[in-house]
Amino acid sequence: MMEYHNPVLLKETVDGLNIKPDGVYVDVTFGGGGHSKEILKRLGSEGKLFAFDQDKDALLNTIDDERFTLINENFRYVKRFLRFYGIKQVDGILADFGVSSHQFDVPDRGFSTRFDADLDMRMNQDDQLSAYHVINDYEEEQIRQVLFQYGELRQAPAMARVIVESRHSDEIKTSQQLKSVLKRFLNHRKENKVLAQIYQAIRIEVNQEIEALKAFLEQTTEMVVQGGRLSLISYHSLEDRLVKRFIRNGMFEGEPERDVFGNFEVPFKKVGGLIVPSAEEIAQNNRARSAKLRVAEKL
């Protein structure tokens, strides 16, 4: 078994699913399997749990339980792959959209600002697009857009220009090279924060995270039975905004159409308020600090 992080908001997230012992549930971000194990504890012998993870490393954490099936795929294809197993509707879906500690802690994967490694950042090691391609092959305008849209970096235009100028003389292959190319933007006090924003932006682009999140959420309206639940953990404002809007409006932009009385129909209603980790949990697991849990029930 691989070393993975402690599951964030474990009790709260699984409580949010309001598990029925004979229900069918999906954990679309299996990782180290912490949330899945907790779901299985609450399922009876007739219950079923399907889990998804696109990272091959996660397969080493599979759970030996006849009620459990692990699928090595991106959750954006959740509906398609569940159909292979004859499953069209489920009682609840759990998702923890964060990068796993395992991915951050293995230097070769290139996710962490702490190590010098090849520019990679692929959650699925079989994907073609890596951080190297984003930095070395994208046009200046594309890089600017990635840094601005996904990293919310005001200096994105200048950063993109410097990256493109630098790679003319030599490819930018490692995280250390990227840091030195961008060192003028890494003022000492804010270096870690700005680096984290740069890495977040490139990672989101490499893994098409926003597109995957939208595709996944749109499928939940058909997949979750009436009274079934979504229990969703986000880590940055881009994700959380999409999750919040989807639960409120059933769409990502604009407002749904209203009837003559000013009412509109949405697929889900929120359950409770926003849930964040306790000070104790953050003290034990620093990566929980930006987690936000939202729970919704299918109408």
C-alpha atoms as a PDB file:
ATOM      1  CA  MET A   1       0.000   0.000   0.000  1.00  0.00           C
ATOM      2  CA  MET A   2       1.221   3.483  -0.886  1.00  0.00           C
ATOM      3  CA  GLU A   3       1.570   6.204   1.756  1.00  0.00           C
ATOM      4  CA  TYR A   4      -1.391   8.555   1.248  1.00  0.00           C
ATOM      5  CA  HIS A   5      -2.777  11.449   3.234  1.00  0.00           C
ATOM      6  CA  ASN A   6      -5.320  11.256   6.017  1.00  0.00           C
ATOM      7  CA  PRO A   7      -8.719  11.753   4.416  1.00  0.00           C
ATOM      8  CA  VAL A   8      -9.937  15.318   4.909  1.00  0.00           C
ATOM      9  CA  LEU A   9     -13.234  15.918   6.781  1.00  0.00           C
ATOM     10  CA  LEU A  10     -13.689  12.136   6.920  1.00  0.00           C
ATOM     11  CA  LYS A  11     -16.694  11.891   9.245  1.00  0.00           C
ATOM     12  CA  GLU A  12     -18.420  15.021   7.929  1.00  0.00           C
ATOM     13  CA  THR A  13     -18.116  14.012   4.276  1.00  0.00           C
ATOM     14  CA  VAL A  14     -19.403  10.472   4.782  1.00  0.00           C
ATOM     15  CA  ASP A  15     -22.130  11.705   7.182  1.00  0.00           C
ATOM     16  CA  GLY A  16     -23.194  14.032   4.349  1.00  0.00           C
ATOM     17  CA  LEU A  17     -24.054  11.025   2.167  1.00  0.00           C
ATOM     18  CA  ASN A  18     -26.685   9.885   4.691  1.00  0.00           C
ATOM     19  CA  ILE A  19     -25.830   6.269   3.824  1.00  0.00           C
ATOM     20  CA  LYS A  20     -28.496   3.607   3.387  1.00  0.00           C
ATOM     21  CA  PRO A  21     -27.066   0.161   4.225  1.00  0.00           C
ATOM     22  CA  ASP A  22     -28.282  -1.377   0.933  1.00  0.00           C
ATOM     23  CA  GLY A  23     -27.446   1.655  -1.236  1.00  0.00           C
ATOM     24  CA  VAL A  24     -25.061   2.110  -4.167  1.00  0.00           C
ATOM     25  CA  TYR A  25     -22.372   4.770  -3.646  1.00  0.00           C
ATOM     26  CA  VAL A  26     -19.462   6.196  -5.609  1.00  0.00           C
ATOM     27  CA  ASP A  27     -16.190   7.673  -4.333  1.00  0.00           C
ATOM     28  CA  VAL A  28     -14.870   9.383  -7.466  1.00  0.00           C
ATOM     29  CA  THR A  29     -11.505  10.363  -5.905  1.00  0.00           C
ATOM     30  CA  PHE A  30     -10.284   7.156  -4.273  1.00  0.00           C
ATOM     31  CA  GLY A  31      -6.637   8.096  -3.531  1.00  0.00           C
ATOM     32  CA  GLY A  32      -5.567   6.284  -0.367  1.00  0.00           C
ATOM     33  CA  GLY A  33      -9.046   4.875   0.139  1.00  0.00           C
ATOM     34  CA  GLY A  34      -9.790   6.583   3.459  1.00  0.00           C
ATOM     35  CA  HIS A  35     -13.249   7.852   2.513  1.00  0.00           C
ATOM     36  CA  SER A  36     -14.096   4.558   0.779  1.00  0.00           C
ATOM     37  CA  LYS A  37     -13.228   2.515   3.886  1.00  0.00           C
ATOM     38  CA  GLU A  38     -15.518   4.692   5.981  1.00  0.00           C
ATOM     39  CA  ILE A  39     -18.380   4.262   3.479  1.00  0.00           C
ATOM     40  CA  LEU A  40     -17.898   0.471   3.494  1.00  0.00           C
ATOM     41  CA  LYS A  41     -18.103   0.444   7.302  1.00  0.00           C
ATOM     42  CA  ARG A  42     -21.583   1.924   7.040  1.00  0.00           C
ATOM     43  CA  LEU A  43     -22.854  -0.279   4.190  1.00  0.00           C
ATOM     44  CA  GLY A  44     -24.642  -3.577   4.796  1.00  0.00           C
ATOM     45  CA  SER A  45     -23.964  -6.797   2.896  1.00  0.00           C
ATOM     46  CA  GLU A  46     -26.276  -5.708   0.055  1.00  0.00           C
ATOM     47  CA  GLY A  47     -24.623  -2.299  -0.385  1.00  0.00           C
ATOM     48  CA  LYS A  48     -22.174  -1.489  -3.173  1.00  0.00           C
ATOM     49  CA  LEU A  49     -19.341   0.993  -3.514  1.00  0.00           C
ATOM     50  CA  PHE A  50     -17.627   1.955  -6.758  1.00  0.00           C
ATOM     51  CA  ALA A  51     -14.485   4.096  -6.675  1.00  0.00           C
ATOM     52  CA  PHE A  52     -12.612   5.983  -9.403  1.00  0.00           C
ATOM     53  CA  ASP A  53      -8.999   7.134  -9.610  1.00  0.00           C
ATOM     54  CA  GLN A  54      -7.062   7.966 -12.761  1.00  0.00           C
ATOM     55  CA  ASP A  55      -3.688   7.628 -10.971  1.00  0.00           C
ATOM     56  CA  LYS A  56      -2.223   4.121 -11.333  1.00  0.00           C
ATOM     57  CA  ASP A  57      -0.495   4.481  -7.943  1.00  0.00           C
ATOM     58  CA  ALA A  58      -3.924   4.525  -6.269  1.00  0.00           C
ATOM     59  CA  LEU A  59      -4.611   0.995  -7.533  1.00  0.00           C
ATOM     60  CA  LEU A  60      -2.102  -0.287  -4.973  1.00  0.00           C
ATOM     61  CA  ASN A  61      -4.545   0.808  -2.250  1.00  0.00           C
ATOM     62  CA  THR A  62      -7.468  -1.258  -3.500  1.00  0.00           C
ATOM     63  CA  ILE A  63      -9.751  -2.722  -0.813  1.00  0.00           C
ATOM     64  CA  ASP A  64     -10.409  -6.455  -0.647  1.00  0.00           C
ATOM     65  CA  ASP A  65     -14.176  -6.428  -0.207  1.00  0.00           C
ATOM     66  CA  GLU A  66     -16.740  -8.045  -2.504  1.00  0.00           C
ATOM     67  CA  ARG A  67     -18.954  -4.941  -2.202  1.00  0.00           C
ATOM     68  CA  PHE A  68     -16.149  -2.768  -3.635  1.00  0.00           C
ATOM     69  CA  THR A  69     -14.995  -2.067  -7.231  1.00  0.00           C
ATOM     70  CA  LEU A  70     -12.103   0.281  -8.129  1.00  0.00           C
ATOM     71  CA  ILE A  71     -12.075   1.765 -11.638  1.00  0.00           C
ATOM     72  CA  ASN A  72      -8.821   3.268 -13.005  1.00  0.00           C
ATOM     73  CA  GLU A  73     -10.416   6.204 -14.860  1.00  0.00           C
ATOM     74  CA  ASN A  74     -10.952   9.958 -14.624  1.00  0.00           C
ATOM     75  CA  PHE A  75     -14.226  10.821 -12.859  1.00  0.00           C
ATOM     76  CA  ARG A  76     -15.305  12.855 -15.885  1.00  0.00           C
ATOM     77  CA  TYR A  77     -16.288   9.470 -17.399  1.00  0.00           C
ATOM     78  CA  VAL A  78     -18.192   8.280 -14.320  1.00  0.00           C
ATOM     79  CA  LYS A  79     -21.521   7.620 -16.057  1.00  0.00           C
ATOM     80  CA  ARG A  80     -19.967   5.709 -18.943  1.00  0.00           C
ATOM     81  CA  PHE A  81     -17.911   3.365 -16.758  1.00  0.00           C
ATOM     82  CA  LEU A  82     -20.660   2.688 -14.219  1.00  0.00           C
ATOM     83  CA  ARG A  83     -22.845   1.566 -17.119  1.00  0.00           C
ATOM     84  CA  PHE A  84     -20.312  -1.227 -17.803  1.00  0.00           C
ATOM     85  CA  TYR A  85     -21.352  -2.551 -14.394  1.00  0.00           C
ATOM     86  CA  GLY A  86     -25.060  -2.122 -15.117  1.00  0.00           C
ATOM     87  CA  ILE A  87     -25.338   0.900 -12.809  1.00  0.00           C
ATOM     88  CA  LYS A  88     -27.428   3.806 -14.097  1.00  0.00           C
ATOM     89  CA  GLN A  89     -28.367   5.474 -10.813  1.00  0.00           C
ATOM     90  CA  VAL A  90     -26.716   5.721  -7.401  1.00  0.00           C
ATOM     91  CA  ASP A  91     -27.674   6.831  -3.898  1.00  0.00           C
ATOM     92  CA  GLY A  92     -24.742   9.138  -3.366  1.00  0.00           C
ATOM     93  CA  ILE A  93     -21.432  10.402  -4.713  1.00  0.00           C
ATOM     94  CA  LEU A  94     -18.423  11.602  -2.730  1.00  0.00           C
ATOM     95  CA  ALA A  95     -15.625  13.686  -4.283  1.00  0.00           C
ATOM     96  CA  ASP A  96     -12.487  15.194  -2.748  1.00  0.00           C
ATOM     97  CA  PHE A  97     -11.043  17.356  -5.532  1.00  0.00           C
ATOM     98  CA  GLY A  98      -7.632  17.913  -3.919  1.00  0.00           C
ATOM     99  CA  VAL A  99      -4.303  16.594  -5.139  1.00  0.00           C
ATOM    100  CA  SER A 100      -3.328  13.697  -2.868  1.00  0.00           C
ATOM    101  CA  SER A 101      -0.418  14.077  -0.456  1.00  0.00           C
ATOM    102  CA  HIS A 102       1.137  11.092  -2.188  1.00  0.00           C
ATOM    103  CA  GLN A 103       1.264  13.034  -5.457  1.00  0.00           C
ATOM    104  CA  PHE A 104       2.795  16.045  -3.687  1.00  0.00           C
ATOM    105  CA  ASP A 105       5.301  13.940  -1.750  1.00  0.00           C
ATOM    106  CA  VAL A 106       6.761  11.896  -4.622  1.00  0.00           C
ATOM    107  CA  PRO A 107       9.350  14.260  -6.153  1.00  0.00           C
ATOM    108  CA  ASP A 108       9.290  12.605  -9.615  1.00  0.00           C
ATOM    109  CA  ARG A 109       5.638  13.527 -10.133  1.00  0.00           C
ATOM    110  CA  GLY A 110       6.573  17.229 -10.276  1.00  0.00           C
ATOM    111  CA  PHE A 111       3.560  18.489  -8.281  1.00  0.00           C
ATOM    112  CA  SER A 112       5.460  20.064  -5.415  1.00  0.00           C
ATOM    113  CA  THR A 113       7.369  23.342  -5.279  1.00  0.00           C
ATOM    114  CA  ARG A 114       9.638  21.720  -2.646  1.00  0.00           C
ATOM    115  CA  PHE A 115      11.589  19.468  -5.002  1.00  0.00           C
ATOM    116  CA  ASP A 116      13.579  19.893  -8.188  1.00  0.00           C
ATOM    117  CA  ALA A 117      11.975  17.520 -10.679  1.00  0.00           C
ATOM    118  CA  ASP A 118      11.050  17.245 -14.324  1.00  0.00           C
ATOM    119  CA  LEU A 119       8.034  19.375 -15.210  1.00  0.00           C
ATOM    120  CA  ASP A 120       5.299  16.726 -15.209  1.00  0.00           C
ATOM    121  CA  MET A 121       2.182  17.164 -12.966  1.00  0.00           C
ATOM    122  CA  ARG A 122       0.100  14.508 -14.742  1.00  0.00           C
ATOM    123  CA  MET A 123      -2.417  12.788 -12.476  1.00  0.00           C
ATOM    124  CA  ASN A 124      -2.789  10.116 -15.143  1.00  0.00           C
ATOM    125  CA  GLN A 125       0.762   9.117 -16.109  1.00  0.00           C
ATOM    126  CA  ASP A 126      -0.479   7.916 -19.527  1.00  0.00           C
ATOM    127  CA  ASP A 127      -1.719  11.364 -20.588  1.00  0.00           C
ATOM    128  CA  GLN A 128       0.270  13.102 -23.324  1.00  0.00           C
ATOM    129  CA  LEU A 129       0.049  16.666 -21.985  1.00  0.00           C
ATOM    130  CA  SER A 130       2.521  17.456 -19.184  1.00  0.00           C
ATOM    131  CA  ALA A 131       3.726  20.649 -17.489  1.00  0.00           C
ATOM    132  CA  TYR A 132       6.767  20.503 -19.812  1.00  0.00           C
ATOM    133  CA  HIS A 133       4.502  20.873 -22.862  1.00  0.00           C
ATOM    134  CA  VAL A 134       2.524  23.739 -21.330  1.00  0.00           C
ATOM    135  CA  ILE A 135       5.710  25.685 -20.546  1.00  0.00           C
ATOM    136  CA  ASN A 136       7.655  24.870 -23.725  1.00  0.00           C
ATOM    137  CA  ASP A 137       5.025  24.465 -26.449  1.00  0.00           C
ATOM    138  CA  TYR A 138       2.131  26.788 -25.591  1.00  0.00           C
ATOM    139  CA  GLU A 139       1.936  30.206 -27.263  1.00  0.00           C
ATOM    140  CA  GLU A 140       2.571  33.225 -25.042  1.00  0.00           C
ATOM    141  CA  GLU A 141      -1.135  34.123 -25.029  1.00  0.00           C
ATOM    142  CA  GLN A 142      -2.092  30.577 -23.972  1.00  0.00           C
ATOM    143  CA  ILE A 143       0.404  30.643 -21.078  1.00  0.00           C
ATOM    144  CA  ARG A 144      -0.890  34.065 -20.014  1.00  0.00           C
ATOM    145  CA  GLN A 145      -4.434  32.741 -19.994  1.00  0.00           C
ATOM    146  CA  VAL A 146      -3.511  29.639 -17.958  1.00  0.00           C
ATOM    147  CA  LEU A 147      -1.652  31.683 -15.316  1.00  0.00           C
ATOM    148  CA  PHE A 148      -4.349  34.347 -15.121  1.00  0.00           C
ATOM    149  CA  GLN A 149      -7.422  32.129 -15.234  1.00  0.00           C
ATOM    150  CA  TYR A 150      -6.256  29.211 -13.078  1.00  0.00           C
ATOM    151  CA  GLY A 151      -3.629  30.890 -10.878  1.00  0.00           C
ATOM    152  CA  GLU A 152      -5.414  34.251 -10.561  1.00  0.00           C
ATOM    153  CA  LEU A 153      -2.004  35.900 -11.066  1.00  0.00           C
ATOM    154  CA  ARG A 154      -2.098  39.606 -11.899  1.00  0.00           C
ATOM    155  CA  GLN A 155       1.415  39.412 -13.348  1.00  0.00           C
ATOM    156  CA  ALA A 156       0.432  36.647 -15.799  1.00  0.00           C
ATOM    157  CA  PRO A 157       1.204  38.715 -18.976  1.00  0.00           C
ATOM    158  CA  ALA A 158       4.751  39.534 -17.817  1.00  0.00           C
ATOM    159  CA  MET A 159       5.338  35.959 -16.583  1.00  0.00           C
ATOM    160  CA  ALA A 160       4.210  34.481 -19.922  1.00  0.00           C
ATOM    161  CA  ARG A 161       6.504  36.864 -21.813  1.00  0.00           C
ATOM    162  CA  VAL A 162       9.530  35.906 -19.681  1.00  0.00           C
ATOM    163  CA  ILE A 163       8.823  32.162 -20.091  1.00  0.00           C
ATOM    164  CA  VAL A 164       8.614  32.474 -23.879  1.00  0.00           C
ATOM    165  CA  GLU A 165      11.775  34.641 -24.064  1.00  0.00           C
ATOM    166  CA  SER A 166      13.735  32.200 -21.855  1.00  0.00           C
ATOM    167  CA  ARG A 167      12.789  29.060 -23.759  1.00  0.00           C
ATOM    168  CA  HIS A 168      14.140  30.541 -27.017  1.00  0.00           C
ATOM    169  CA  SER A 169      17.672  29.962 -25.737  1.00  0.00           C
ATOM    170  CA  ASP A 170      17.023  26.750 -23.786  1.00  0.00           C
ATOM    171  CA  GLU A 171      14.121  24.420 -22.973  1.00  0.00           C
ATOM    172  CA  ILE A 172      12.669  24.747 -19.462  1.00  0.00           C
ATOM    173  CA  LYS A 173      12.721  21.139 -18.280  1.00  0.00           C
ATOM    174  CA  THR A 174      12.692  21.192 -14.469  1.00  0.00           C
ATOM    175  CA  SER A 175      10.903  22.966 -11.646  1.00  0.00           C
ATOM    176  CA  GLN A 176      14.212  24.563 -10.607  1.00  0.00           C
ATOM    177  CA  GLN A 177      14.683  26.019 -14.091  1.00  0.00           C
ATOM    178  CA  LEU A 178      11.131  27.359 -14.051  1.00  0.00           C
ATOM    179  CA  LYS A 179      11.719  28.979 -10.653  1.00  0.00           C
ATOM    180  CA  SER A 180      14.919  30.661 -11.850  1.00  0.00           C
ATOM    181  CA  VAL A 181      13.184  31.923 -15.026  1.00  0.00           C
ATOM    182  CA  LEU A 182      10.441  33.477 -12.872  1.00  0.00           C
ATOM    183  CA  LYS A 183      12.643  34.564  -9.959  1.00  0.00           C
ATOM    184  CA  ARG A 184      11.991  38.291 -10.521  1.00  0.00           C
ATOM    185  CA  PHE A 185       8.311  37.641  -9.638  1.00  0.00           C
ATOM    186  CA  LEU A 186       9.117  35.657  -6.485  1.00  0.00           C
ATOM    187  CA  ASN A 187       9.587  38.378  -3.950  1.00  0.00           C
ATOM    188  CA  HIS A 188      10.957  36.857  -0.756  1.00  0.00           C
ATOM    189  CA  ARG A 189       7.901  37.458   1.449  1.00  0.00           C
ATOM    190  CA  LYS A 190       5.410  36.003  -1.013  1.00  0.00           C
ATOM    191  CA  GLU A 191       7.591  33.459  -2.820  1.00  0.00           C
ATOM    192  CA  ASN A 192       5.736  30.362  -1.600  1.00  0.00           C
ATOM    193  CA  LYS A 193       2.295  31.827  -2.241  1.00  0.00           C
ATOM    194  CA  VAL A 194       3.123  32.941  -5.801  1.00  0.00           C
ATOM    195  CA  LEU A 195       4.860  29.637  -6.594  1.00  0.00           C
ATOM    196  CA  ALA A 196       1.818  27.743  -5.316  1.00  0.00           C
ATOM    197  CA  GLN A 197      -0.421  29.832  -7.627  1.00  0.00           C
ATOM    198  CA  ILE A 198       1.867  29.181 -10.626  1.00  0.00           C
ATOM    199  CA  TYR A 199       1.945  25.438  -9.929  1.00  0.00           C
ATOM    200  CA  GLN A 200      -1.811  25.316  -9.361  1.00  0.00           C
ATOM    201  CA  ALA A 201      -2.430  27.026 -12.709  1.00  0.00           C
ATOM    202  CA  ILE A 202      -0.164  24.665 -14.667  1.00  0.00           C
ATOM    203  CA  ARG A 203      -1.544  21.582 -12.874  1.00  0.00           C
ATOM    204  CA  ILE A 204      -5.161  22.543 -13.596  1.00  0.00           C
ATOM    205  CA  GLU A 205      -4.311  22.995 -17.283  1.00  0.00           C
ATOM    206  CA  VAL A 206      -2.308  19.744 -17.539  1.00  0.00           C
ATOM    207  CA  ASN A 207      -5.114  17.700 -15.994  1.00  0.00           C
ATOM    208  CA  GLN A 208      -7.981  19.711 -17.517  1.00  0.00           C
ATOM    209  CA  GLU A 209      -9.386  19.862 -13.987  1.00  0.00           C
ATOM    210  CA  ILE A 210     -12.051  22.511 -14.547  1.00  0.00           C
ATOM    211  CA  GLU A 211     -13.442  20.749 -17.638  1.00  0.00           C
ATOM    212  CA  ALA A 212     -13.417  17.418 -15.771  1.00  0.00           C
ATOM    213  CA  LEU A 213     -15.214  18.955 -12.776  1.00  0.00           C
ATOM    214  CA  LYS A 214     -17.932  20.486 -14.957  1.00  0.00           C
ATOM    215  CA  ALA A 215     -18.418  17.272 -16.947  1.00  0.00           C
ATOM    216  CA  PHE A 216     -18.668  15.286 -13.711  1.00  0.00           C
ATOM    217  CA  LEU A 217     -21.173  17.620 -12.033  1.00  0.00           C
ATOM    218  CA  GLU A 218     -23.416  17.718 -15.113  1.00  0.00           C
ATOM    219  CA  GLN A 219     -23.685  13.907 -15.075  1.00  0.00           C
ATOM    220  CA  THR A 220     -24.764  13.817 -11.432  1.00  0.00           C
ATOM    221  CA  THR A 221     -28.219  15.224 -12.239  1.00  0.00           C
ATOM    222  CA  GLU A 222     -29.124  12.017 -14.100  1.00  0.00           C
ATOM    223  CA  MET A 223     -27.135   9.633 -11.944  1.00  0.00           C
ATOM    224  CA  VAL A 224     -28.251  10.467  -8.411  1.00  0.00           C
ATOM    225  CA  VAL A 225     -31.662   9.148  -7.344  1.00  0.00           C
ATOM    226  CA  GLN A 226     -34.257  11.428  -5.777  1.00  0.00           C
ATOM    227  CA  GLY A 227     -33.231  11.963  -2.140  1.00  0.00           C
ATOM    228  CA  GLY A 228     -29.658  10.857  -2.948  1.00  0.00           C
ATOM    229  CA  ARG A 229     -26.715  13.019  -1.945  1.00  0.00           C
ATOM    230  CA  LEU A 230     -23.572  14.714  -3.252  1.00  0.00           C
ATOM    231  CA  SER A 231     -20.765  15.318  -0.742  1.00  0.00           C
ATOM    232  CA  LEU A 232     -18.078  17.472  -2.388  1.00  0.00           C
ATOM    233  CA  ILE A 233     -14.776  18.860  -1.047  1.00  0.00           C
ATOM    234  CA  SER A 234     -13.088  21.737  -2.939  1.00  0.00           C
ATOM    235  CA  TYR A 235      -9.732  23.367  -2.197  1.00  0.00           C
ATOM    236  CA  HIS A 236      -9.555  26.537  -4.252  1.00  0.00           C
ATOM    237  CA  SER A 237     -12.016  29.248  -5.176  1.00  0.00           C
ATOM    238  CA  LEU A 238     -12.300  28.208  -8.850  1.00  0.00           C
ATOM    239  CA  GLU A 239     -13.606  24.752  -7.903  1.00  0.00           C
ATOM    240  CA  ASP A 240     -15.700  25.910  -4.982  1.00  0.00           C
ATOM    241  CA  ARG A 241     -17.398  28.597  -7.071  1.00  0.00           C
ATOM    242  CA  LEU A 242     -18.424  26.008  -9.685  1.00  0.00           C
ATOM    243  CA  VAL A 243     -19.688  23.558  -7.040  1.00  0.00           C
ATOM    244  CA  LYS A 244     -21.640  26.293  -5.220  1.00  0.00           C
ATOM    245  CA  ARG A 245     -23.246  27.633  -8.424  1.00  0.00           C
ATOM    246  CA  PHE A 246     -24.104  24.152  -9.635  1.00  0.00           C
ATOM    247  CA  ILE A 247     -25.862  23.272  -6.369  1.00  0.00           C
ATOM    248  CA  ARG A 248     -27.708  26.591  -6.315  1.00  0.00           C
ATOM    249  CA  ASN A 249     -28.647  26.961 -10.004  1.00  0.00           C
ATOM    250  CA  GLY A 250     -27.973  23.615 -11.681  1.00  0.00           C
ATOM    251  CA  MET A 251     -25.656  25.521 -14.031  1.00  0.00           C
ATOM    252  CA  PHE A 252     -22.234  27.202 -13.965  1.00  0.00           C
ATOM    253  CA  GLU A 253     -23.032  30.585 -15.477  1.00  0.00           C
ATOM    254  CA  GLY A 254     -26.065  32.815 -15.658  1.00  0.00           C
ATOM    255  CA  GLU A 255     -29.404  32.142 -14.002  1.00  0.00           C
ATOM    256  CA  PRO A 256     -31.963  29.416 -14.691  1.00  0.00           C
ATOM    257  CA  GLU A 257     -35.234  30.397 -16.375  1.00  0.00           C
ATOM    258  CA  ARG A 258     -38.015  31.339 -13.983  1.00  0.00           C
ATOM    259  CA  ASP A 259     -41.710  30.641 -14.346  1.00  0.00           C
ATOM    260  CA  VAL A 260     -44.383  33.371 -14.195  1.00  0.00           C
ATOM    261  CA  PHE A 261     -44.261  33.262 -10.389  1.00  0.00           C
ATOM    262  CA  GLY A 262     -40.503  33.854 -10.343  1.00  0.00           C
ATOM    263  CA  ASN A 263     -39.669  30.276  -9.330  1.00  0.00           C
ATOM    264  CA  PHE A 264     -37.143  28.044 -11.051  1.00  0.00           C
ATOM    265  CA  GLU A 265     -36.459  24.333 -10.872  1.00  0.00           C
ATOM    266  CA  VAL A 266     -33.017  23.062  -9.926  1.00  0.00           C
ATOM    267  CA  PRO A 267     -31.803  19.440  -9.672  1.00  0.00           C
ATOM    268  CA  PHE A 268     -30.324  19.704  -6.153  1.00  0.00           C
ATOM    269  CA  LYS A 269     -30.907  21.581  -2.921  1.00  0.00           C
ATOM    270  CA  LYS A 270     -28.119  22.343  -0.490  1.00  0.00           C
ATOM    271  CA  VAL A 271     -28.049  20.482   2.816  1.00  0.00           C
ATOM    272  CA  GLY A 272     -26.746  22.559   5.730  1.00  0.00           C
ATOM    273  CA  GLY A 273     -24.094  25.223   5.318  1.00  0.00           C
ATOM    274  CA  LEU A 274     -20.473  25.253   4.262  1.00  0.00           C
ATOM    275  CA  ILE A 275     -18.339  22.877   6.379  1.00  0.00           C
ATOM    276  CA  VAL A 276     -14.635  23.527   6.982  1.00  0.00           C
ATOM    277  CA  PRO A 277     -12.081  21.530   9.010  1.00  0.00           C
ATOM    278  CA  SER A 278     -11.649  22.148  12.726  1.00  0.00           C
ATOM    279  CA  ALA A 279      -8.483  23.732  14.121  1.00  0.00           C
ATOM    280  CA  GLU A 280      -7.580  20.258  15.486  1.00  0.00           C
ATOM    281  CA  GLU A 281      -7.827  18.648  12.049  1.00  0.00           C
ATOM    282  CA  ILE A 282      -5.737  21.403  10.445  1.00  0.00           C
ATOM    283  CA  ALA A 283      -3.101  20.979  13.195  1.00  0.00           C
ATOM    284  CA  GLN A 284      -2.892  17.254  12.373  1.00  0.00           C
ATOM    285  CA  ASN A 285      -3.112  17.653   8.594  1.00  0.00           C
ATOM    286  CA  ASN A 286      -1.989  21.027   7.259  1.00  0.00           C
ATOM    287  CA  ARG A 287      -3.299  20.216   3.782  1.00  0.00           C
ATOM    288  CA  ALA A 288      -6.856  20.299   5.136  1.00  0.00           C
ATOM    289  CA  ARG A 289      -6.602  24.040   5.787  1.00  0.00           C
ATOM    290  CA  SER A 290      -8.271  25.210   2.562  1.00  0.00           C
ATOM    291  CA  ALA A 291     -10.871  22.400   2.319  1.00  0.00           C
ATOM    292  CA  LYS A 292     -14.541  23.355   1.879  1.00  0.00           C
ATOM    293  CA  LEU A 293     -17.291  20.726   2.027  1.00  0.00           C
ATOM    294  CA  ARG A 294     -20.700  21.263   0.440  1.00  0.00           C
ATOM    295  CA  VAL A 295     -23.518  18.711   0.618  1.00  0.00           C
ATOM    296  CA  ALA A 296     -26.549  18.612  -1.692  1.00  0.00           C
ATOM    297  CA  GLU A 297     -29.638  16.414  -2.034  1.00  0.00           C
ATOM    298  CA  LYS A 298     -31.349  15.468  -5.299  1.00  0.00           C
ATOM    299  CA  LEU A 299     -34.862  16.882  -5.615  1.00  0.00           C
END
